[in-house]
């Protein structure tokens, strides 16, 4: 919730976002102290604002986007 910056979402969307966030951070090996966590959170918020609402879809899309954003 600290990443919502005043945005409001339905409770079930918050649950999906939280689940997707944790799943994406785990898959990307993003630790609790990593600044990348904020990037993952912003990505998930953007995806929700685009209409994605299922946790599995949010996590998969966030992982894909974050892996594409990382230099190889």
PDB file of N, CA and C in Angstrom:
ATOM      1  N   UNK A   1       0.785  -1.211   0.000  1.00  0.00           N
ATOM      2  CA  UNK A   1       0.000   0.000   0.000  1.00  0.00           C
ATOM      3  C   UNK A   1       0.832   1.282   0.000  1.00  0.00           C
ATOM      4  N   UNK A   2       2.043   1.241   0.479  1.00  0.00           N
ATOM      5  CA  UNK A   2       2.792   2.499   0.467  1.00  0.00           C
ATOM      6  C   UNK A   2       3.068   3.007  -0.946  1.00  0.00           C
ATOM      7  N   UNK A   3       2.931   2.151  -1.931  1.00  0.00           N
ATOM      8  CA  UNK A   3       3.227   2.556  -3.308  1.00  0.00           C
ATOM      9  C   UNK A   3       2.000   3.119  -4.028  1.00  0.00           C
ATOM     10  N   UNK A   4       0.843   3.115  -3.408  1.00  0.00           N
ATOM     11  CA  UNK A   4      -0.377   3.548  -4.076  1.00  0.00           C
ATOM     12  C   UNK A   4      -0.453   5.061  -4.251  1.00  0.00           C
ATOM     13  N   UNK A   5       0.257   5.815  -3.452  1.00  0.00           N
ATOM     14  CA  UNK A   5       0.342   7.273  -3.583  1.00  0.00           C
ATOM     15  C   UNK A   5      -1.032   7.921  -3.733  1.00  0.00           C
ATOM     16  N   UNK A   6      -1.941   7.573  -2.834  1.00  0.00           N
ATOM     17  CA  UNK A   6      -3.244   8.205  -2.843  1.00  0.00           C
ATOM     18  C   UNK A   6      -4.263   7.610  -3.793  1.00  0.00           C
ATOM     19  N   UNK A   7      -3.856   6.684  -4.624  1.00  0.00           N
ATOM     20  CA  UNK A   7      -4.811   6.043  -5.534  1.00  0.00           C
ATOM     21  C   UNK A   7      -5.703   5.115  -4.730  1.00  0.00           C
ATOM     22  N   UNK A   8      -6.928   4.969  -5.179  1.00  0.00           N
ATOM     23  CA  UNK A   8      -7.839   4.048  -4.509  1.00  0.00           C
ATOM     24  C   UNK A   8      -8.287   2.970  -5.480  1.00  0.00           C
ATOM     25  N   UNK A   9      -8.386   1.754  -4.958  1.00  0.00           N
ATOM     26  CA  UNK A   9      -8.817   0.601  -5.725  1.00  0.00           C
ATOM     27  C   UNK A   9      -9.770  -0.214  -4.855  1.00  0.00           C
ATOM     28  N   UNK A  10     -10.606  -0.989  -5.493  1.00  0.00           N
ATOM     29  CA  UNK A  10     -11.517  -1.870  -4.768  1.00  0.00           C
ATOM     30  C   UNK A  10     -10.700  -2.865  -3.949  1.00  0.00           C
ATOM     31  N   UNK A  11     -11.248  -3.303  -2.817  1.00  0.00           N
ATOM     32  CA  UNK A  11     -10.505  -4.232  -1.953  1.00  0.00           C
ATOM     33  C   UNK A  11     -10.011  -5.482  -2.669  1.00  0.00           C
ATOM     34  N   UNK A  12     -10.823  -6.059  -3.547  1.00  0.00           N
ATOM     35  CA  UNK A  12     -10.398  -7.271  -4.250  1.00  0.00           C
ATOM     36  C   UNK A  12      -9.257  -6.989  -5.230  1.00  0.00           C
ATOM     37  N   UNK A  13      -9.196  -5.787  -5.758  1.00  0.00           N
ATOM     38  CA  UNK A  13      -8.093  -5.402  -6.647  1.00  0.00           C
ATOM     39  C   UNK A  13      -6.816  -5.224  -5.827  1.00  0.00           C
ATOM     40  N   UNK A  14      -6.941  -4.670  -4.640  1.00  0.00           N
ATOM     41  CA  UNK A  14      -5.778  -4.516  -3.747  1.00  0.00           C
ATOM     42  C   UNK A  14      -5.199  -5.887  -3.415  1.00  0.00           C
ATOM     43  N   UNK A  15      -6.065  -6.851  -3.153  1.00  0.00           N
ATOM     44  CA  UNK A  15      -5.603  -8.217  -2.851  1.00  0.00           C
ATOM     45  C   UNK A  15      -4.855  -8.782  -4.057  1.00  0.00           C
ATOM     46  N   UNK A  16      -5.423  -8.625  -5.251  1.00  0.00           N
ATOM     47  CA  UNK A  16      -4.773  -9.129  -6.474  1.00  0.00           C
ATOM     48  C   UNK A  16      -3.439  -8.439  -6.696  1.00  0.00           C
ATOM     49  N   UNK A  17      -3.396  -7.135  -6.481  1.00  0.00           N
ATOM     50  CA  UNK A  17      -2.162  -6.374  -6.653  1.00  0.00           C
ATOM     51  C   UNK A  17      -1.092  -6.838  -5.661  1.00  0.00           C
ATOM     52  N   UNK A  18      -1.488  -7.032  -4.420  1.00  0.00           N
ATOM     53  CA  UNK A  18      -0.534  -7.470  -3.392  1.00  0.00           C
ATOM     54  C   UNK A  18       0.024  -8.849  -3.704  1.00  0.00           C
ATOM     55  N   UNK A  19      -0.859  -9.744  -4.129  1.00  0.00           N
ATOM     56  CA  UNK A  19      -0.441 -11.100  -4.488  1.00  0.00           C
ATOM     57  C   UNK A  19       0.520 -11.057  -5.670  1.00  0.00           C
ATOM     58  N   UNK A  20       0.157 -10.288  -6.693  1.00  0.00           N
ATOM     59  CA  UNK A  20       1.002 -10.170  -7.884  1.00  0.00           C
ATOM     60  C   UNK A  20       2.347  -9.544  -7.541  1.00  0.00           C
ATOM     61  N   UNK A  21       2.341  -8.549  -6.676  1.00  0.00           N
ATOM     62  CA  UNK A  21       3.568  -7.873  -6.274  1.00  0.00           C
ATOM     63  C   UNK A  21       4.525  -8.848  -5.595  1.00  0.00           C
ATOM     64  N   UNK A  22       4.016  -9.596  -4.651  1.00  0.00           N
ATOM     65  CA  UNK A  22       4.864 -10.557  -3.940  1.00  0.00           C
ATOM     66  C   UNK A  22       5.379 -11.635  -4.892  1.00  0.00           C
ATOM     67  N   UNK A  23       4.513 -12.129  -5.769  1.00  0.00           N
ATOM     68  CA  UNK A  23       4.919 -13.165  -6.722  1.00  0.00           C
ATOM     69  C   UNK A  23       5.983 -12.643  -7.689  1.00  0.00           C
ATOM     70  N   UNK A  24       5.777 -11.436  -8.195  1.00  0.00           N
ATOM     71  CA  UNK A  24       6.739 -10.849  -9.132  1.00  0.00           C
ATOM     72  C   UNK A  24       8.080 -10.591  -8.451  1.00  0.00           C
ATOM     73  N   UNK A  25       8.051 -10.051  -7.249  1.00  0.00           N
ATOM     74  CA  UNK A  25       9.308  -9.791  -6.527  1.00  0.00           C
ATOM     75  C   UNK A  25      10.064 -11.089  -6.271  1.00  0.00           C
ATOM     76  N   UNK A  26       9.336 -12.124  -5.921  1.00  0.00           N
ATOM     77  CA  UNK A  26       9.980 -13.420  -5.681  1.00  0.00           C
ATOM     78  C   UNK A  26      10.597 -13.959  -6.973  1.00  0.00           C
ATOM     79  N   UNK A  27       9.849 -13.919  -8.065  1.00  0.00           N
ATOM     80  CA  UNK A  27      10.345 -14.436  -9.350  1.00  0.00           C
ATOM     81  C   UNK A  27      11.543 -13.649  -9.858  1.00  0.00           C
ATOM     82  N   UNK A  28      11.566 -12.360  -9.549  1.00  0.00           N
ATOM     83  CA  UNK A  28      12.656 -11.493 -10.010  1.00  0.00           C
ATOM     84  C   UNK A  28      13.801 -11.395  -9.003  1.00  0.00           C
ATOM     85  N   UNK A  29      13.684 -12.118  -7.891  1.00  0.00           N
ATOM     86  CA  UNK A  29      14.693 -12.076  -6.830  1.00  0.00           C
ATOM     87  C   UNK A  29      14.928 -10.655  -6.318  1.00  0.00           C
ATOM     88  N   UNK A  30      13.833  -9.945  -6.109  1.00  0.00           N
ATOM     89  CA  UNK A  30      13.899  -8.579  -5.606  1.00  0.00           C
ATOM     90  C   UNK A  30      13.743  -8.628  -4.094  1.00  0.00           C
ATOM     91  N   UNK A  31      14.789  -8.256  -3.389  1.00  0.00           N
ATOM     92  CA  UNK A  31      14.781  -8.292  -1.930  1.00  0.00           C
ATOM     93  C   UNK A  31      13.988  -7.154  -1.316  1.00  0.00           C
ATOM     94  N   UNK A  32      13.715  -7.285  -0.039  1.00  0.00           N
ATOM     95  CA  UNK A  32      12.900  -6.309   0.686  1.00  0.00           C
ATOM     96  C   UNK A  32      13.509  -4.910   0.687  1.00  0.00           C
ATOM     97  N   UNK A  33      14.831  -4.814   0.618  1.00  0.00           N
ATOM     98  CA  UNK A  33      15.493  -3.513   0.662  1.00  0.00           C
ATOM     99  C   UNK A  33      15.855  -2.969  -0.723  1.00  0.00           C
ATOM    100  N   UNK A  34      15.469  -3.680  -1.759  1.00  0.00           N
ATOM    101  CA  UNK A  34      15.838  -3.279  -3.116  1.00  0.00           C
ATOM    102  C   UNK A  34      14.975  -2.128  -3.626  1.00  0.00           C
ATOM    103  N   UNK A  35      15.599  -1.135  -4.243  1.00  0.00           N
ATOM    104  CA  UNK A  35      14.822  -0.054  -4.852  1.00  0.00           C
ATOM    105  C   UNK A  35      13.979  -0.549  -6.034  1.00  0.00           C
ATOM    106  N   UNK A  36      14.277  -1.721  -6.528  1.00  0.00           N
ATOM    107  CA  UNK A  36      13.515  -2.294  -7.633  1.00  0.00           C
ATOM    108  C   UNK A  36      12.092  -2.620  -7.214  1.00  0.00           C
ATOM    109  N   UNK A  37      11.864  -2.805  -5.915  1.00  0.00           N
ATOM    110  CA  UNK A  37      10.508  -3.080  -5.424  1.00  0.00           C
ATOM    111  C   UNK A  37       9.545  -1.973  -5.840  1.00  0.00           C
ATOM    112  N   UNK A  38       9.980  -0.737  -5.765  1.00  0.00           N
ATOM    113  CA  UNK A  38       9.123   0.387  -6.156  1.00  0.00           C
ATOM    114  C   UNK A  38       8.806   0.325  -7.645  1.00  0.00           C
ATOM    115  N   UNK A  39       9.766  -0.094  -8.445  1.00  0.00           N
ATOM    116  CA  UNK A  39       9.534  -0.228  -9.888  1.00  0.00           C
ATOM    117  C   UNK A  39       8.500  -1.311 -10.170  1.00  0.00           C
ATOM    118  N   UNK A  40       8.598  -2.421  -9.465  1.00  0.00           N
ATOM    119  CA  UNK A  40       7.635  -3.511  -9.632  1.00  0.00           C
ATOM    120  C   UNK A  40       6.246  -3.024  -9.227  1.00  0.00           C
ATOM    121  N   UNK A  41       6.170  -2.318  -8.128  1.00  0.00           N
ATOM    122  CA  UNK A  41       4.880  -1.797  -7.663  1.00  0.00           C
ATOM    123  C   UNK A  41       4.273  -0.846  -8.684  1.00  0.00           C
ATOM    124  N   UNK A  42       5.073   0.066  -9.195  1.00  0.00           N
ATOM    125  CA  UNK A  42       4.566   1.006 -10.207  1.00  0.00           C
ATOM    126  C   UNK A  42       4.092   0.275 -11.444  1.00  0.00           C
ATOM    127  N   UNK A  43       4.812  -0.769 -11.849  1.00  0.00           N
ATOM    128  CA  UNK A  43       4.419  -1.546 -13.021  1.00  0.00           C
ATOM    129  C   UNK A  43       3.059  -2.200 -12.785  1.00  0.00           C
ATOM    130  N   UNK A  44       2.869  -2.774 -11.626  1.00  0.00           N
ATOM    131  CA  UNK A  44       1.594  -3.432 -11.326  1.00  0.00           C
ATOM    132  C   UNK A  44       0.462  -2.409 -11.290  1.00  0.00           C
ATOM    133  N   UNK A  45       0.698  -1.257 -10.717  1.00  0.00           N
ATOM    134  CA  UNK A  45      -0.325  -0.209 -10.691  1.00  0.00           C
ATOM    135  C   UNK A  45      -0.686   0.206 -12.113  1.00  0.00           C
ATOM    136  N   UNK A  46       0.306   0.393 -12.961  1.00  0.00           N
ATOM    137  CA  UNK A  46       0.033   0.744 -14.363  1.00  0.00           C
ATOM    138  C   UNK A  46      -0.792  -0.334 -15.063  1.00  0.00           C
ATOM    139  N   UNK A  47      -0.457  -1.581 -14.808  1.00  0.00           N
ATOM    140  CA  UNK A  47      -1.194  -2.681 -15.426  1.00  0.00           C
ATOM    141  C   UNK A  47      -2.649  -2.708 -14.964  1.00  0.00           C
ATOM    142  N   UNK A  48      -2.867  -2.441 -13.685  1.00  0.00           N
ATOM    143  CA  UNK A  48      -4.247  -2.376 -13.170  1.00  0.00           C
ATOM    144  C   UNK A  48      -4.987  -1.217 -13.825  1.00  0.00           C
ATOM    145  N   UNK A  49      -4.326  -0.093 -13.944  1.00  0.00           N
ATOM    146  CA  UNK A  49      -4.959   1.069 -14.575  1.00  0.00           C
ATOM    147  C   UNK A  49      -5.278   0.809 -16.051  1.00  0.00           C
ATOM    148  N   UNK A  50      -4.573  -0.136 -16.667  1.00  0.00           N
ATOM    149  CA  UNK A  50      -4.851  -0.536 -18.048  1.00  0.00           C
ATOM    150  C   UNK A  50      -5.972  -1.571 -18.122  1.00  0.00           C
ATOM    151  N   UNK A  51      -6.428  -2.059 -16.965  1.00  0.00           N
ATOM    152  CA  UNK A  51      -7.558  -2.971 -16.953  1.00  0.00           C
ATOM    153  C   UNK A  51      -7.272  -4.389 -16.517  1.00  0.00           C
ATOM    154  N   UNK A  52      -6.030  -4.721 -16.241  1.00  0.00           N
ATOM    155  CA  UNK A  52      -5.691  -6.062 -15.759  1.00  0.00           C
ATOM    156  C   UNK A  52      -6.088  -6.163 -14.287  1.00  0.00           C
ATOM    157  N   UNK A  53      -6.772  -7.227 -13.923  1.00  0.00           N
ATOM    158  CA  UNK A  53      -7.231  -7.336 -12.535  1.00  0.00           C
ATOM    159  C   UNK A  53      -6.949  -8.683 -11.892  1.00  0.00           C
ATOM    160  N   UNK A  54      -6.522  -9.664 -12.651  1.00  0.00           N
ATOM    161  CA  UNK A  54      -6.224 -10.974 -12.074  1.00  0.00           C
ATOM    162  C   UNK A  54      -4.776 -11.025 -11.611  1.00  0.00           C
ATOM    163  N   UNK A  55      -4.573 -11.558 -10.405  1.00  0.00           N
ATOM    164  CA  UNK A  55      -3.238 -11.600  -9.814  1.00  0.00           C
ATOM    165  C   UNK A  55      -2.246 -12.331 -10.704  1.00  0.00           C
ATOM    166  N   UNK A  56      -2.649 -13.472 -11.275  1.00  0.00           N
ATOM    167  CA  UNK A  56      -1.715 -14.233 -12.101  1.00  0.00           C
ATOM    168  C   UNK A  56      -1.311 -13.469 -13.348  1.00  0.00           C
ATOM    169  N   UNK A  57      -2.265 -12.777 -13.964  1.00  0.00           N
ATOM    170  CA  UNK A  57      -1.955 -11.983 -15.152  1.00  0.00           C
ATOM    171  C   UNK A  57      -1.076 -10.784 -14.799  1.00  0.00           C
ATOM    172  N   UNK A  58      -1.385 -10.152 -13.686  1.00  0.00           N
ATOM    173  CA  UNK A  58      -0.576  -9.009 -13.245  1.00  0.00           C
ATOM    174  C   UNK A  58       0.863  -9.419 -12.979  1.00  0.00           C
ATOM    175  N   UNK A  59       1.034 -10.521 -12.271  1.00  0.00           N
ATOM    176  CA  UNK A  59       2.387 -10.984 -11.950  1.00  0.00           C
ATOM    177  C   UNK A  59       3.147 -11.334 -13.219  1.00  0.00           C
ATOM    178  N   UNK A  60       2.522 -12.094 -14.104  1.00  0.00           N
ATOM    179  CA  UNK A  60       3.194 -12.506 -15.348  1.00  0.00           C
ATOM    180  C   UNK A  60       3.581 -11.297 -16.196  1.00  0.00           C
ATOM    181  N   UNK A  61       2.674 -10.340 -16.316  1.00  0.00           N
ATOM    182  CA  UNK A  61       2.959  -9.151 -17.124  1.00  0.00           C
ATOM    183  C   UNK A  61       4.049  -8.297 -16.482  1.00  0.00           C
ATOM    184  N   UNK A  62       4.001  -8.152 -15.169  1.00  0.00           N
ATOM    185  CA  UNK A  62       5.024  -7.362 -14.478  1.00  0.00           C
ATOM    186  C   UNK A  62       6.398  -8.012 -14.616  1.00  0.00           C
ATOM    187  N   UNK A  63       6.450  -9.324 -14.472  1.00  0.00           N
ATOM    188  CA  UNK A  63       7.718 -10.045 -14.621  1.00  0.00           C
ATOM    189  C   UNK A  63       8.260  -9.862 -16.027  1.00  0.00           C
ATOM    190  N   UNK A  64       7.405 -10.013 -17.011  1.00  0.00           N
ATOM    191  CA  UNK A  64       7.822  -9.860 -18.409  1.00  0.00           C
ATOM    192  C   UNK A  64       8.355  -8.441 -18.656  1.00  0.00           C
ATOM    193  N   UNK A  65       7.613  -7.448 -18.195  1.00  0.00           N
ATOM    194  CA  UNK A  65       8.025  -6.059 -18.400  1.00  0.00           C
ATOM    195  C   UNK A  65       9.330  -5.750 -17.676  1.00  0.00           C
ATOM    196  N   UNK A  66       9.460  -6.228 -16.448  1.00  0.00           N
ATOM    197  CA  UNK A  66      10.669  -5.948 -15.677  1.00  0.00           C
ATOM    198  C   UNK A  66      11.879  -6.649 -16.276  1.00  0.00           C
ATOM    199  N   UNK A  67      11.703  -7.847 -16.754  1.00  0.00           N
ATOM    200  CA  UNK A  67      12.835  -8.544 -17.386  1.00  0.00           C
ATOM    201  C   UNK A  67      13.231  -7.843 -18.667  1.00  0.00           C
ATOM    202  N   UNK A  68      12.266  -7.294 -19.381  1.00  0.00           N
ATOM    203  CA  UNK A  68      12.562  -6.545 -20.598  1.00  0.00           C
ATOM    204  C   UNK A  68      13.242  -5.223 -20.306  1.00  0.00           C
ATOM    205  N   UNK A  69      13.007  -4.678 -19.120  1.00  0.00           N
ATOM    206  CA  UNK A  69      13.585  -3.381 -18.741  1.00  0.00           C
ATOM    207  C   UNK A  69      15.001  -3.510 -18.203  1.00  0.00           C
ATOM    208  N   UNK A  70      15.387  -4.723 -17.822  1.00  0.00           N
ATOM    209  CA  UNK A  70      16.712  -4.932 -17.242  1.00  0.00           C
ATOM    210  C   UNK A  70      17.754  -5.131 -18.344  1.00  0.00           C
ATOM    211  N   UNK A  71      18.899  -4.490 -18.217  1.00  0.00           N
ATOM    212  CA  UNK A  71      19.944  -4.700 -19.217  1.00  0.00           C
ATOM    213  C   UNK A  71      20.466  -6.139 -19.161  1.00  0.00           C
ATOM    214  N   UNK A  72      20.836  -6.657 -20.311  1.00  0.00           N
ATOM    215  CA  UNK A  72      21.343  -8.032 -20.381  1.00  0.00           C
ATOM    216  C   UNK A  72      22.843  -8.063 -20.346  1.00  0.00           C
TER     217      UNK A  72
END
